[in-house]
Amino acid sequence: MTKHEELKEGIKTAMKARDEIRLSVLRGIVTACTNELVAKGRKPDEMLNDEDVVTIISRLAKQRKDSIEQFRKGGRQDLVDKEAAELKILETLLPPQMAREDIEKAVRAKMTELGVSDKTGAGKLIGALMKDLRGKADGSEVKAIVDSLLQ
């Protein structure tokens, strides 16, 4: 069963359990998947591959993190709590994230492979790393590690 099919089954389970937050999150993900299919010129009832679904879930999780930050600045704790609950559900659907040490090892290996030793090659390095680490590591953390190693 693909991730996309699992999400659709999860909607049924959440409806039966009357889990409103989970239901809302899963419906949002399925809607984003449908939008992605239409944007790619495919039929809305087709299924996305697992890699595309993970990319969509990652994008939605990043949006939640940004929203939480903005709501905190605005003093809206009620909205912070709602977004945090949704983020927790999204994170359970993502593959486990790499530890900082593992990301650092990957960065060092890629630096050696590409011959990058200063900040001028940082963009090329981050681009190559994100292709390898997509879905496994947060882009902002990869950038922070690259910046710290290329001082």
N, C-alpha and C. Protein backbone atom coordinates (compact mmCIF):
# COMPACT_ATOMS: atom_id res chain seq x y z
N MET A 1 0.85 -1.18 0.00
CA MET A 1 0.00 0.00 0.00
C MET A 1 0.89 1.24 0.00
N THR A 2 0.61 2.16 -0.91
CA THR A 2 1.42 3.38 -0.99
C THR A 2 1.03 4.34 0.13
N LYS A 3 1.88 5.32 0.35
CA LYS A 3 1.60 6.34 1.37
C LYS A 3 0.29 7.06 1.08
N HIS A 4 0.04 7.35 -0.19
CA HIS A 4 -1.17 8.06 -0.59
C HIS A 4 -2.40 7.23 -0.20
N GLU A 5 -2.35 5.93 -0.44
CA GLU A 5 -3.47 5.05 -0.07
C GLU A 5 -3.61 4.98 1.45
N GLU A 6 -2.49 4.93 2.16
CA GLU A 6 -2.51 4.90 3.62
C GLU A 6 -3.19 6.14 4.18
N LEU A 7 -2.92 7.29 3.56
CA LEU A 7 -3.54 8.54 4.01
C LEU A 7 -5.06 8.49 3.85
N LYS A 8 -5.50 7.97 2.72
CA LYS A 8 -6.94 7.87 2.48
C LYS A 8 -7.60 6.91 3.47
N GLU A 9 -6.92 5.82 3.79
CA GLU A 9 -7.44 4.89 4.80
C GLU A 9 -7.43 5.54 6.18
N GLY A 10 -6.39 6.36 6.43
CA GLY A 10 -6.29 7.07 7.71
C GLY A 10 -7.45 8.02 7.93
N ILE A 11 -7.96 8.59 6.86
CA ILE A 11 -9.12 9.50 6.97
C ILE A 11 -10.32 8.72 7.50
N LYS A 12 -10.55 7.53 6.95
CA LYS A 12 -11.67 6.70 7.42
C LYS A 12 -11.51 6.35 8.89
N THR A 13 -10.30 5.97 9.28
CA THR A 13 -10.04 5.61 10.67
C THR A 13 -10.25 6.80 11.59
N ALA A 14 -9.78 7.97 11.19
CA ALA A 14 -9.94 9.18 12.01
C ALA A 14 -11.41 9.56 12.13
N MET A 15 -12.17 9.35 11.07
CA MET A 15 -13.60 9.66 11.12
C MET A 15 -14.30 8.73 12.12
N LYS A 16 -13.97 7.45 12.08
CA LYS A 16 -14.58 6.49 12.99
C LYS A 16 -14.20 6.79 14.44
N ALA A 17 -12.96 7.23 14.65
CA ALA A 17 -12.47 7.54 16.00
C ALA A 17 -12.89 8.93 16.45
N ARG A 18 -13.50 9.71 15.56
CA ARG A 18 -13.91 11.09 15.84
C ARG A 18 -12.73 11.95 16.30
N ASP A 19 -11.57 11.71 15.66
CA ASP A 19 -10.36 12.47 15.94
C ASP A 19 -10.30 13.66 14.98
N GLU A 20 -10.85 14.79 15.41
CA GLU A 20 -11.03 15.95 14.53
C GLU A 20 -9.71 16.51 14.00
N ILE A 21 -8.71 16.62 14.87
CA ILE A 21 -7.44 17.22 14.44
C ILE A 21 -6.76 16.32 13.40
N ARG A 22 -6.67 15.03 13.70
CA ARG A 22 -6.04 14.09 12.77
C ARG A 22 -6.80 14.07 11.44
N LEU A 23 -8.12 14.07 11.51
CA LEU A 23 -8.94 14.08 10.31
C LEU A 23 -8.66 15.31 9.46
N SER A 24 -8.58 16.45 10.11
CA SER A 24 -8.31 17.71 9.41
C SER A 24 -6.93 17.67 8.73
N VAL A 25 -5.93 17.18 9.45
CA VAL A 25 -4.57 17.11 8.90
C VAL A 25 -4.52 16.16 7.71
N LEU A 26 -5.11 14.98 7.86
CA LEU A 26 -5.09 14.00 6.77
C LEU A 26 -5.83 14.51 5.54
N ARG A 27 -6.96 15.15 5.76
CA ARG A 27 -7.69 15.72 4.63
C ARG A 27 -6.85 16.80 3.92
N GLY A 28 -6.15 17.60 4.71
CA GLY A 28 -5.28 18.62 4.13
C GLY A 28 -4.17 18.02 3.29
N ILE A 29 -3.60 16.92 3.76
CA ILE A 29 -2.53 16.26 3.01
C ILE A 29 -3.08 15.68 1.70
N VAL A 30 -4.22 15.01 1.79
CA VAL A 30 -4.81 14.42 0.58
C VAL A 30 -5.18 15.52 -0.42
N THR A 31 -5.68 16.63 0.07
CA THR A 31 -6.00 17.75 -0.81
C THR A 31 -4.73 18.28 -1.48
N ALA A 32 -3.65 18.42 -0.71
CA ALA A 32 -2.38 18.88 -1.28
C ALA A 32 -1.87 17.89 -2.33
N CYS A 33 -2.07 16.59 -2.09
CA CYS A 33 -1.67 15.57 -3.07
C CYS A 33 -2.48 15.71 -4.35
N THR A 34 -3.78 15.93 -4.20
CA THR A 34 -4.64 16.11 -5.38
C THR A 34 -4.22 17.35 -6.15
N ASN A 35 -3.92 18.43 -5.44
CA ASN A 35 -3.45 19.66 -6.10
C ASN A 35 -2.15 19.42 -6.85
N GLU A 36 -1.27 18.63 -6.26
CA GLU A 36 0.01 18.31 -6.90
C GLU A 36 -0.22 17.51 -8.19
N LEU A 37 -1.13 16.55 -8.13
CA LEU A 37 -1.46 15.77 -9.32
C LEU A 37 -1.97 16.65 -10.45
N VAL A 38 -2.90 17.54 -10.11
CA VAL A 38 -3.48 18.44 -11.11
C VAL A 38 -2.40 19.37 -11.68
N ALA A 39 -1.51 19.85 -10.81
CA ALA A 39 -0.43 20.73 -11.26
C ALA A 39 0.51 20.01 -12.22
N LYS A 40 0.65 18.70 -12.04
CA LYS A 40 1.52 17.92 -12.93
C LYS A 40 0.79 17.46 -14.18
N GLY A 41 -0.50 17.86 -14.31
CA GLY A 41 -1.26 17.50 -15.50
C GLY A 41 -1.79 16.08 -15.47
N ARG A 42 -1.89 15.51 -14.28
CA ARG A 42 -2.42 14.15 -14.14
C ARG A 42 -3.85 14.21 -13.61
N LYS A 43 -4.53 13.09 -13.64
CA LYS A 43 -5.91 13.04 -13.16
C LYS A 43 -5.93 13.09 -11.64
N PRO A 44 -6.91 13.78 -11.05
CA PRO A 44 -6.98 13.93 -9.59
C PRO A 44 -7.17 12.63 -8.82
N ASP A 45 -7.67 11.59 -9.49
CA ASP A 45 -7.90 10.33 -8.78
C ASP A 45 -6.73 9.36 -8.87
N GLU A 46 -5.63 9.78 -9.49
CA GLU A 46 -4.43 8.95 -9.55
C GLU A 46 -3.72 9.00 -8.20
N MET A 47 -2.70 8.17 -8.02
CA MET A 47 -1.94 8.13 -6.78
C MET A 47 -0.52 8.66 -7.02
N LEU A 48 -0.03 9.44 -6.06
CA LEU A 48 1.34 9.92 -6.12
C LEU A 48 2.27 8.84 -5.57
N ASN A 49 3.54 8.89 -5.98
CA ASN A 49 4.49 7.95 -5.40
C ASN A 49 4.88 8.42 -3.99
N ASP A 50 5.48 7.54 -3.23
CA ASP A 50 5.78 7.83 -1.82
C ASP A 50 6.71 9.02 -1.65
N GLU A 51 7.68 9.18 -2.56
CA GLU A 51 8.63 10.29 -2.46
C GLU A 51 7.91 11.64 -2.58
N ASP A 52 6.96 11.73 -3.52
CA ASP A 52 6.20 12.97 -3.69
C ASP A 52 5.33 13.26 -2.47
N VAL A 53 4.74 12.22 -1.90
CA VAL A 53 3.89 12.40 -0.72
C VAL A 53 4.73 12.89 0.46
N VAL A 54 5.92 12.31 0.64
CA VAL A 54 6.80 12.75 1.73
C VAL A 54 7.21 14.21 1.52
N THR A 55 7.46 14.60 0.28
CA THR A 55 7.81 16.00 -0.02
C THR A 55 6.66 16.92 0.36
N ILE A 56 5.44 16.52 0.04
CA ILE A 56 4.26 17.33 0.37
C ILE A 56 4.09 17.44 1.88
N ILE A 57 4.23 16.32 2.59
CA ILE A 57 4.08 16.34 4.05
C ILE A 57 5.17 17.22 4.67
N SER A 58 6.39 17.14 4.14
CA SER A 58 7.48 17.99 4.64
C SER A 58 7.16 19.46 4.45
N ARG A 59 6.61 19.79 3.29
CA ARG A 59 6.23 21.18 3.00
C ARG A 59 5.16 21.66 3.98
N LEU A 60 4.18 20.80 4.25
CA LEU A 60 3.11 21.17 5.18
C LEU A 60 3.66 21.33 6.61
N ALA A 61 4.60 20.48 6.99
CA ALA A 61 5.21 20.59 8.32
C ALA A 61 5.99 21.89 8.44
N LYS A 62 6.71 22.25 7.39
CA LYS A 62 7.46 23.51 7.40
C LYS A 62 6.51 24.69 7.53
N GLN A 63 5.38 24.64 6.84
CA GLN A 63 4.38 25.70 6.95
C GLN A 63 3.89 25.82 8.38
N ARG A 64 3.66 24.67 9.03
CA ARG A 64 3.19 24.70 10.43
C ARG A 64 4.24 25.35 11.34
N LYS A 65 5.51 25.00 11.13
CA LYS A 65 6.59 25.58 11.95
C LYS A 65 6.63 27.10 11.78
N ASP A 66 6.51 27.56 10.54
CA ASP A 66 6.50 29.00 10.28
C ASP A 66 5.30 29.67 10.94
N SER A 67 4.14 29.02 10.85
CA SER A 67 2.93 29.58 11.46
C SER A 67 3.06 29.67 12.97
N ILE A 68 3.63 28.64 13.57
CA ILE A 68 3.82 28.64 15.02
C ILE A 68 4.68 29.83 15.43
N GLU A 69 5.75 30.05 14.69
CA GLU A 69 6.65 31.17 14.99
C GLU A 69 5.90 32.51 14.88
N GLN A 70 5.13 32.67 13.81
CA GLN A 70 4.39 33.93 13.61
C GLN A 70 3.30 34.12 14.67
N PHE A 71 2.59 33.06 15.02
CA PHE A 71 1.54 33.18 16.03
C PHE A 71 2.13 33.48 17.40
N ARG A 72 3.32 32.94 17.68
CA ARG A 72 3.99 33.25 18.96
C ARG A 72 4.31 34.74 19.03
N LYS A 73 4.83 35.27 17.92
CA LYS A 73 5.15 36.69 17.87
C LYS A 73 3.91 37.54 18.05
N GLY A 74 2.78 37.04 17.54
CA GLY A 74 1.53 37.78 17.63
C GLY A 74 0.77 37.55 18.93
N GLY A 75 1.32 36.70 19.80
CA GLY A 75 0.68 36.46 21.09
C GLY A 75 -0.61 35.64 20.99
N ARG A 76 -0.72 34.78 19.99
CA ARG A 76 -1.92 33.97 19.80
C ARG A 76 -1.65 32.53 20.22
N GLN A 77 -1.61 32.28 21.52
CA GLN A 77 -1.29 30.95 22.05
C GLN A 77 -2.31 29.90 21.60
N ASP A 78 -3.57 30.29 21.44
CA ASP A 78 -4.58 29.33 20.99
C ASP A 78 -4.23 28.76 19.62
N LEU A 79 -3.77 29.63 18.72
CA LEU A 79 -3.39 29.18 17.38
C LEU A 79 -2.07 28.43 17.40
N VAL A 80 -1.17 28.81 18.30
CA VAL A 80 0.10 28.09 18.46
C VAL A 80 -0.19 26.64 18.85
N ASP A 81 -1.10 26.46 19.80
CA ASP A 81 -1.43 25.11 20.27
C ASP A 81 -2.04 24.27 19.15
N LYS A 82 -2.93 24.86 18.36
CA LYS A 82 -3.58 24.15 17.25
C LYS A 82 -2.54 23.73 16.22
N GLU A 83 -1.68 24.66 15.83
CA GLU A 83 -0.66 24.35 14.82
C GLU A 83 0.34 23.31 15.34
N ALA A 84 0.69 23.39 16.63
CA ALA A 84 1.63 22.44 17.22
C ALA A 84 1.03 21.03 17.21
N ALA A 85 -0.26 20.92 17.50
CA ALA A 85 -0.93 19.61 17.46
C ALA A 85 -0.92 19.04 16.05
N GLU A 86 -1.17 19.90 15.06
CA GLU A 86 -1.14 19.45 13.67
C GLU A 86 0.27 19.05 13.26
N LEU A 87 1.27 19.82 13.70
CA LEU A 87 2.66 19.52 13.38
C LEU A 87 3.06 18.16 13.94
N LYS A 88 2.63 17.86 15.15
CA LYS A 88 2.96 16.58 15.78
C LYS A 88 2.43 15.42 14.93
N ILE A 89 1.22 15.56 14.40
CA ILE A 89 0.64 14.52 13.54
C ILE A 89 1.43 14.40 12.24
N LEU A 90 1.77 15.53 11.64
CA LEU A 90 2.54 15.52 10.39
C LEU A 90 3.90 14.83 10.60
N GLU A 91 4.54 15.09 11.74
CA GLU A 91 5.85 14.52 12.00
C GLU A 91 5.79 13.01 12.14
N THR A 92 4.64 12.48 12.62
CA THR A 92 4.51 11.02 12.73
C THR A 92 4.41 10.37 11.35
N LEU A 93 4.00 11.14 10.35
CA LEU A 93 3.84 10.61 9.00
C LEU A 93 5.13 10.71 8.17
N LEU A 94 6.09 11.46 8.67
CA LEU A 94 7.37 11.63 7.96
C LEU A 94 8.34 10.54 8.38
N PRO A 95 9.29 10.20 7.50
CA PRO A 95 10.33 9.25 7.92
C PRO A 95 11.18 9.89 9.02
N PRO A 96 11.81 9.07 9.85
CA PRO A 96 12.62 9.63 10.94
C PRO A 96 13.71 10.57 10.40
N GLN A 97 13.91 11.67 11.09
CA GLN A 97 14.92 12.63 10.67
C GLN A 97 16.31 12.18 11.14
N MET A 98 17.31 12.54 10.36
CA MET A 98 18.69 12.18 10.69
C MET A 98 19.15 12.97 11.91
N ALA A 99 20.03 12.38 12.69
CA ALA A 99 20.64 13.07 13.82
C ALA A 99 21.63 14.10 13.28
N ARG A 100 21.89 15.13 14.09
CA ARG A 100 22.79 16.20 13.66
C ARG A 100 24.19 15.66 13.30
N GLU A 101 24.67 14.68 14.05
CA GLU A 101 25.99 14.11 13.79
C GLU A 101 26.02 13.42 12.42
N ASP A 102 24.93 12.71 12.10
CA ASP A 102 24.86 12.03 10.80
C ASP A 102 24.82 13.03 9.65
N ILE A 103 24.08 14.12 9.85
CA ILE A 103 24.03 15.17 8.82
C ILE A 103 25.42 15.75 8.63
N GLU A 104 26.11 15.99 9.74
CA GLU A 104 27.46 16.57 9.67
C GLU A 104 28.41 15.64 8.92
N LYS A 105 28.31 14.32 9.14
CA LYS A 105 29.14 13.36 8.41
C LYS A 105 28.84 13.43 6.91
N ALA A 106 27.56 13.52 6.57
CA ALA A 106 27.17 13.59 5.16
C ALA A 106 27.70 14.88 4.53
N VAL A 107 27.63 15.98 5.28
CA VAL A 107 28.13 17.26 4.77
C VAL A 107 29.64 17.18 4.52
N ARG A 108 30.37 16.63 5.48
CA ARG A 108 31.83 16.52 5.32
C ARG A 108 32.19 15.63 4.12
N ALA A 109 31.46 14.52 3.95
CA ALA A 109 31.72 13.62 2.82
C ALA A 109 31.44 14.32 1.49
N LYS A 110 30.35 15.06 1.42
CA LYS A 110 29.98 15.76 0.19
C LYS A 110 30.95 16.90 -0.10
N MET A 111 31.46 17.56 0.97
CA MET A 111 32.45 18.63 0.79
C MET A 111 33.70 18.05 0.13
N THR A 112 34.14 16.89 0.59
CA THR A 112 35.32 16.24 0.03
C THR A 112 35.06 15.82 -1.41
N GLU A 113 33.87 15.23 -1.64
CA GLU A 113 33.51 14.76 -2.98
C GLU A 113 33.48 15.89 -3.99
N LEU A 114 32.91 17.04 -3.60
CA LEU A 114 32.77 18.17 -4.52
C LEU A 114 33.97 19.12 -4.49
N GLY A 115 34.86 18.93 -3.51
CA GLY A 115 36.02 19.79 -3.39
C GLY A 115 35.68 21.20 -2.93
N VAL A 116 34.65 21.33 -2.10
CA VAL A 116 34.24 22.64 -1.58
C VAL A 116 34.97 22.89 -0.26
N SER A 117 35.61 24.06 -0.17
CA SER A 117 36.34 24.37 1.06
C SER A 117 36.06 25.77 1.59
N ASP A 118 35.30 26.57 0.83
CA ASP A 118 34.96 27.91 1.33
C ASP A 118 33.52 28.26 0.96
N LYS A 119 33.08 29.43 1.40
CA LYS A 119 31.68 29.83 1.25
C LYS A 119 31.23 29.99 -0.20
N THR A 120 32.17 30.12 -1.14
CA THR A 120 31.77 30.32 -2.53
C THR A 120 31.05 29.10 -3.11
N GLY A 121 31.34 27.93 -2.57
CA GLY A 121 30.69 26.70 -3.06
C GLY A 121 29.54 26.24 -2.21
N ALA A 122 29.12 27.07 -1.26
CA ALA A 122 28.07 26.67 -0.31
C ALA A 122 26.76 26.33 -1.02
N GLY A 123 26.36 27.13 -1.98
CA GLY A 123 25.09 26.89 -2.69
C GLY A 123 25.09 25.56 -3.43
N LYS A 124 26.20 25.30 -4.12
CA LYS A 124 26.34 24.04 -4.85
C LYS A 124 26.31 22.85 -3.87
N LEU A 125 26.99 23.02 -2.74
CA LEU A 125 27.06 21.96 -1.73
C LEU A 125 25.68 21.68 -1.13
N ILE A 126 24.96 22.73 -0.76
CA ILE A 126 23.63 22.56 -0.16
C ILE A 126 22.68 21.91 -1.17
N GLY A 127 22.74 22.34 -2.42
CA GLY A 127 21.90 21.75 -3.45
C GLY A 127 22.14 20.25 -3.61
N ALA A 128 23.40 19.87 -3.64
CA ALA A 128 23.74 18.45 -3.78
C ALA A 128 23.32 17.66 -2.55
N LEU A 129 23.51 18.25 -1.38
CA LEU A 129 23.13 17.57 -0.15
C LEU A 129 21.63 17.35 -0.05
N MET A 130 20.86 18.37 -0.42
CA MET A 130 19.41 18.26 -0.29
C MET A 130 18.83 17.22 -1.25
N LYS A 131 19.51 16.97 -2.37
CA LYS A 131 19.07 15.89 -3.26
C LYS A 131 19.23 14.55 -2.54
N ASP A 132 20.36 14.40 -1.85
CA ASP A 132 20.64 13.15 -1.14
C ASP A 132 19.80 12.99 0.13
N LEU A 133 19.57 14.09 0.83
CA LEU A 133 18.94 14.03 2.16
C LEU A 133 17.47 14.41 2.16
N ARG A 134 16.85 14.55 0.99
CA ARG A 134 15.45 14.98 0.91
C ARG A 134 14.56 14.07 1.77
N GLY A 135 13.80 14.67 2.66
CA GLY A 135 12.90 13.93 3.52
C GLY A 135 13.56 13.36 4.76
N LYS A 136 14.90 13.33 4.77
CA LYS A 136 15.61 12.76 5.91
C LYS A 136 16.18 13.82 6.83
N ALA A 137 16.35 15.05 6.31
CA ALA A 137 16.94 16.12 7.10
C ALA A 137 16.28 17.44 6.75
N ASP A 138 16.14 18.29 7.74
CA ASP A 138 15.55 19.62 7.54
C ASP A 138 16.56 20.52 6.84
N GLY A 139 16.10 21.20 5.80
CA GLY A 139 16.98 22.06 5.01
C GLY A 139 17.65 23.15 5.81
N SER A 140 16.94 23.73 6.78
CA SER A 140 17.53 24.80 7.58
C SER A 140 18.66 24.26 8.46
N GLU A 141 18.51 23.01 8.93
CA GLU A 141 19.58 22.43 9.75
C GLU A 141 20.79 22.10 8.88
N VAL A 142 20.55 21.61 7.67
CA VAL A 142 21.66 21.32 6.75
C VAL A 142 22.41 22.61 6.44
N LYS A 143 21.68 23.69 6.18
CA LYS A 143 22.30 24.99 5.88
C LYS A 143 23.13 25.48 7.06
N ALA A 144 22.59 25.33 8.28
CA ALA A 144 23.32 25.77 9.48
C ALA A 144 24.63 24.99 9.64
N ILE A 145 24.59 23.69 9.39
CA ILE A 145 25.79 22.88 9.51
C ILE A 145 26.81 23.27 8.43
N VAL A 146 26.35 23.46 7.20
CA VAL A 146 27.24 23.86 6.12
C VAL A 146 27.90 25.20 6.46
N ASP A 147 27.10 26.16 6.93
CA ASP A 147 27.62 27.47 7.30
C ASP A 147 28.68 27.37 8.40
N SER A 148 28.44 26.51 9.39
CA SER A 148 29.39 26.38 10.50
C SER A 148 30.70 25.73 10.04
N LEU A 149 30.61 24.81 9.08
CA LEU A 149 31.83 24.13 8.61
C LEU A 149 32.61 24.96 7.59
N LEU A 150 31.96 25.91 6.92
CA LEU A 150 32.63 26.70 5.88
C LEU A 150 33.00 28.09 6.36
N GLN A 151 33.32 28.25 7.60
CA GLN A 151 33.67 29.58 8.12
C GLN A 151 35.04 30.01 7.68
